[in-house]
Amino acid sequence: MGRLRGLIASTLVGLVIGSALGATPVRAHGTGPHTGFQARVSYIEPQLPGLLVQVIGGHERLSVANLTQKNVVILDDGGRALERIPAGRTRVWAEPRIGSTEAPPEHEGLVRNWRIPGTADGERFEIVGFLGYRPPAGAPSGDNGVPTWAIVVAAAAGVLIAAAALALPFVRREDEDEAGPETATER
């Protein structure tokens, strides 16, 4: 019976260690420091019919299709030409002003508004939009996510309880065997 007790103990230790080593943080595909950020174009001020602007890649690139008869120039923050878009053409470029390089915020919602200046045949306009954040599906959130260590501890405790319940009949039998059969003279 001593061997059985040792076998049960070593099995339990192996299960607990295996559970702890095998546990890895749960991560959604495509996670990174910017996952969950979304930029959107709200409007162009003043309106410029035929200028189609959209965000590509969540918050990384800006696409501007110039379906007007005007030459469009997108300006940097210093007022210098950043992109020239002739009539009938489309340009796509990485636009850091619409995105974020910061860590995701703790709560979902509006991160900030943004404006990108431009000209159409010399007349100024602005592309106006916003950057928001929503944690991706399956990502741990700050308030209701369960930490990995808590899952490992709960699983290990469950294994220990189950193993102890299974081993209990063997421990009782071993105690009875060591005591030996009762005889009439010992009573």
Protein backbone atom coordinates (compact mmCIF):
# COMPACT_ATOMS: atom_id res chain seq x y z
CA MET A 1 0.00 0.00 0.00
CA GLY A 2 2.95 2.34 0.56
CA ARG A 3 3.76 2.05 -3.15
CA LEU A 4 0.22 2.99 -4.08
CA ARG A 5 0.38 6.07 -1.88
CA GLY A 6 3.69 7.10 -3.48
CA LEU A 7 2.26 6.52 -6.97
CA ILE A 8 -0.77 8.68 -6.20
CA ALA A 9 1.40 11.44 -4.71
CA SER A 10 3.80 11.50 -7.67
CA THR A 11 0.86 11.51 -10.11
CA LEU A 12 -0.67 14.47 -8.31
CA VAL A 13 2.59 16.40 -8.34
CA GLY A 14 3.01 15.65 -12.05
CA LEU A 15 -0.51 16.82 -12.83
CA VAL A 16 -0.09 20.06 -10.91
CA ILE A 17 3.29 20.85 -12.48
CA GLY A 18 2.03 19.90 -15.95
CA SER A 19 -1.01 22.14 -15.54
CA ALA A 20 1.11 25.07 -14.43
CA LEU A 21 3.69 24.67 -17.20
CA GLY A 22 1.10 24.09 -19.89
CA ALA A 23 -0.92 27.19 -19.05
CA THR A 24 -0.23 30.08 -21.37
CA PRO A 25 -1.92 33.45 -21.56
CA VAL A 26 -4.94 33.47 -23.84
CA ARG A 27 -4.45 35.81 -26.77
CA ALA A 28 -6.63 36.65 -29.72
CA HIS A 29 -5.21 36.44 -33.22
CA GLY A 30 -3.53 39.61 -34.36
CA THR A 31 -3.06 41.09 -30.95
CA GLY A 32 -0.50 43.75 -30.37
CA PRO A 33 -0.20 47.12 -28.77
CA HIS A 34 -2.68 48.70 -31.20
CA THR A 35 -5.37 46.04 -31.55
CA GLY A 36 -8.80 47.49 -30.91
CA PHE A 37 -8.08 51.03 -32.16
CA GLN A 38 -10.43 52.17 -34.91
CA ALA A 39 -10.24 55.47 -36.80
CA ARG A 40 -13.21 56.81 -38.76
CA VAL A 41 -13.75 59.71 -41.12
CA SER A 42 -16.69 61.83 -39.97
CA TYR A 43 -16.92 64.48 -42.70
CA ILE A 44 -15.04 66.87 -44.95
CA GLU A 45 -15.32 70.55 -44.05
CA PRO A 46 -16.45 72.34 -46.17
CA GLN A 47 -18.08 69.61 -48.22
CA LEU A 48 -16.16 68.60 -51.31
CA PRO A 49 -18.38 66.35 -53.45
CA GLY A 50 -16.34 63.67 -55.18
CA LEU A 51 -13.60 63.47 -52.58
CA LEU A 52 -13.91 60.02 -50.98
CA VAL A 53 -11.86 59.41 -47.86
CA GLN A 54 -11.65 56.21 -45.84
CA VAL A 55 -9.43 54.61 -43.21
CA ILE A 56 -7.74 51.32 -44.06
CA GLY A 57 -6.25 48.92 -41.52
CA GLY A 58 -8.23 50.10 -38.52
CA HIS A 59 -6.15 53.18 -37.82
CA GLU A 60 -3.07 52.91 -39.99
CA ARG A 61 -3.61 54.21 -43.54
CA LEU A 62 -5.71 56.84 -45.20
CA SER A 63 -7.17 56.35 -48.68
CA VAL A 64 -8.24 59.42 -50.65
CA ALA A 65 -9.99 59.01 -54.00
CA ASN A 66 -10.20 62.27 -55.92
CA LEU A 67 -13.24 61.99 -58.19
CA THR A 68 -13.43 65.78 -58.57
CA GLN A 69 -12.03 67.86 -61.42
CA LYS A 70 -9.66 69.59 -58.97
CA ASN A 71 -6.09 68.93 -57.92
CA VAL A 72 -6.10 67.89 -54.26
CA VAL A 73 -3.15 68.30 -51.93
CA ILE A 74 -3.07 66.82 -48.43
CA LEU A 75 -0.99 68.92 -46.04
CA ASP A 76 1.19 67.92 -43.09
CA ASP A 77 0.90 69.63 -39.70
CA GLY A 78 3.32 72.33 -40.87
CA GLY A 79 1.20 73.21 -43.92
CA ARG A 80 3.56 71.58 -46.44
CA ALA A 81 2.35 69.25 -49.21
CA LEU A 82 2.29 65.64 -48.02
CA GLU A 83 0.30 63.96 -50.83
CA ARG A 84 -0.70 65.30 -54.24
CA ILE A 85 -3.77 63.63 -55.73
CA PRO A 86 -4.62 64.61 -59.30
CA ALA A 87 -8.22 64.47 -60.56
CA GLY A 88 -9.34 60.87 -61.13
CA ARG A 89 -6.61 59.35 -58.93
CA THR A 90 -6.46 57.61 -55.55
CA ARG A 91 -3.64 57.68 -53.02
CA VAL A 92 -3.17 55.50 -49.95
CA TRP A 93 -0.51 56.25 -47.34
CA ALA A 94 0.40 55.56 -43.73
CA GLU A 95 -1.09 58.42 -41.74
CA PRO A 96 0.10 58.61 -38.11
CA ARG A 97 -2.28 61.49 -37.28
CA ILE A 98 -5.32 59.18 -37.40
CA GLY A 99 -3.89 56.35 -35.28
CA SER A 100 -2.14 55.68 -32.03
CA THR A 101 1.23 54.35 -30.95
CA GLU A 102 0.19 54.36 -27.31
CA ALA A 103 -0.94 51.42 -25.20
CA PRO A 104 -4.67 50.74 -25.42
CA PRO A 105 -6.74 52.64 -22.86
CA GLU A 106 -8.38 50.82 -19.94
CA HIS A 107 -11.93 51.46 -21.17
CA GLU A 108 -13.53 51.51 -24.58
CA GLY A 109 -14.67 54.76 -26.10
CA LEU A 110 -13.43 57.89 -27.83
CA VAL A 111 -9.65 58.32 -27.71
CA ARG A 112 -9.45 61.63 -29.59
CA ASN A 113 -10.67 63.65 -32.58
CA TRP A 114 -8.35 64.43 -35.50
CA ARG A 115 -8.23 66.86 -38.45
CA ILE A 116 -6.14 66.64 -41.59
CA PRO A 117 -5.84 69.82 -43.70
CA GLY A 118 -5.81 69.92 -47.47
CA THR A 119 -6.47 72.09 -50.50
CA ALA A 120 -8.51 71.57 -53.67
CA ASP A 121 -7.26 73.92 -56.40
CA GLY A 122 -5.95 76.16 -53.62
CA GLU A 123 -9.14 76.23 -51.50
CA ARG A 124 -8.66 74.85 -48.00
CA PHE A 125 -10.64 71.97 -46.54
CA GLU A 126 -10.22 69.56 -43.63
CA ILE A 127 -10.83 65.86 -43.30
CA VAL A 128 -12.38 65.43 -39.84
CA GLY A 129 -12.52 62.16 -37.96
CA PHE A 130 -12.02 60.39 -34.67
CA LEU A 131 -10.06 57.55 -33.10
CA GLY A 132 -11.89 55.14 -30.83
CA TYR A 133 -11.00 52.02 -28.89
CA ARG A 134 -12.94 48.80 -28.29
CA PRO A 135 -11.16 45.69 -26.94
CA PRO A 136 -11.15 42.94 -29.56
CA ALA A 137 -13.38 39.90 -28.99
CA GLY A 138 -11.68 37.41 -26.69
CA ALA A 139 -9.20 39.91 -25.30
CA PRO A 140 -9.02 40.19 -21.53
CA SER A 141 -10.62 43.35 -20.25
CA GLY A 142 -9.58 45.29 -17.20
CA ASP A 143 -12.73 44.67 -15.16
CA ASN A 144 -14.03 41.17 -15.83
CA GLY A 145 -11.14 39.15 -17.25
CA VAL A 146 -9.85 36.22 -15.21
CA PRO A 147 -6.05 36.23 -14.78
CA THR A 148 -4.18 33.15 -16.04
CA TRP A 149 -2.68 32.47 -12.60
CA ALA A 150 -6.19 32.20 -11.10
CA ILE A 151 -7.18 29.61 -13.72
CA VAL A 152 -4.03 27.58 -13.02
CA VAL A 153 -4.60 27.67 -9.25
CA ALA A 154 -8.25 26.66 -9.64
CA ALA A 155 -7.34 23.79 -11.98
CA ALA A 156 -4.60 22.56 -9.65
CA ALA A 157 -6.96 22.70 -6.66
CA GLY A 158 -9.56 20.74 -8.62
CA VAL A 159 -7.02 18.07 -9.54
CA LEU A 160 -5.88 17.80 -5.92
CA ILE A 161 -9.42 17.46 -4.62
CA ALA A 162 -10.33 14.83 -7.21
CA ALA A 163 -7.16 12.83 -6.55
CA ALA A 164 -7.66 12.99 -2.79
CA ALA A 165 -11.25 11.76 -3.17
CA LEU A 166 -10.06 8.87 -5.34
CA ALA A 167 -7.23 7.97 -2.96
CA LEU A 168 -9.36 8.07 0.21
CA PRO A 169 -10.67 4.46 -0.03
CA PHE A 170 -7.11 3.14 -0.44
CA VAL A 171 -5.85 5.08 2.58
CA ARG A 172 -8.66 3.68 4.77
CA ARG A 173 -7.98 0.10 3.63
CA GLU A 174 -4.28 0.50 4.38
CA ASP A 175 -5.06 1.68 7.93
CA GLU A 176 -7.34 -1.32 8.42
CA ASP A 177 -4.67 -3.72 7.08
CA GLU A 178 -2.02 -2.33 9.45
CA ALA A 179 -4.32 -2.74 12.46
CA GLY A 180 -4.83 -6.41 11.56
CA PRO A 181 -7.92 -8.51 12.13
CA GLU A 182 -9.54 -8.23 15.49
CA THR A 183 -9.53 -11.33 17.58
CA ALA A 184 -11.81 -12.30 20.34
CA THR A 185 -9.03 -12.06 22.94
CA GLU A 186 -8.23 -8.40 22.10
CA ARG A 187 -11.76 -7.23 22.80
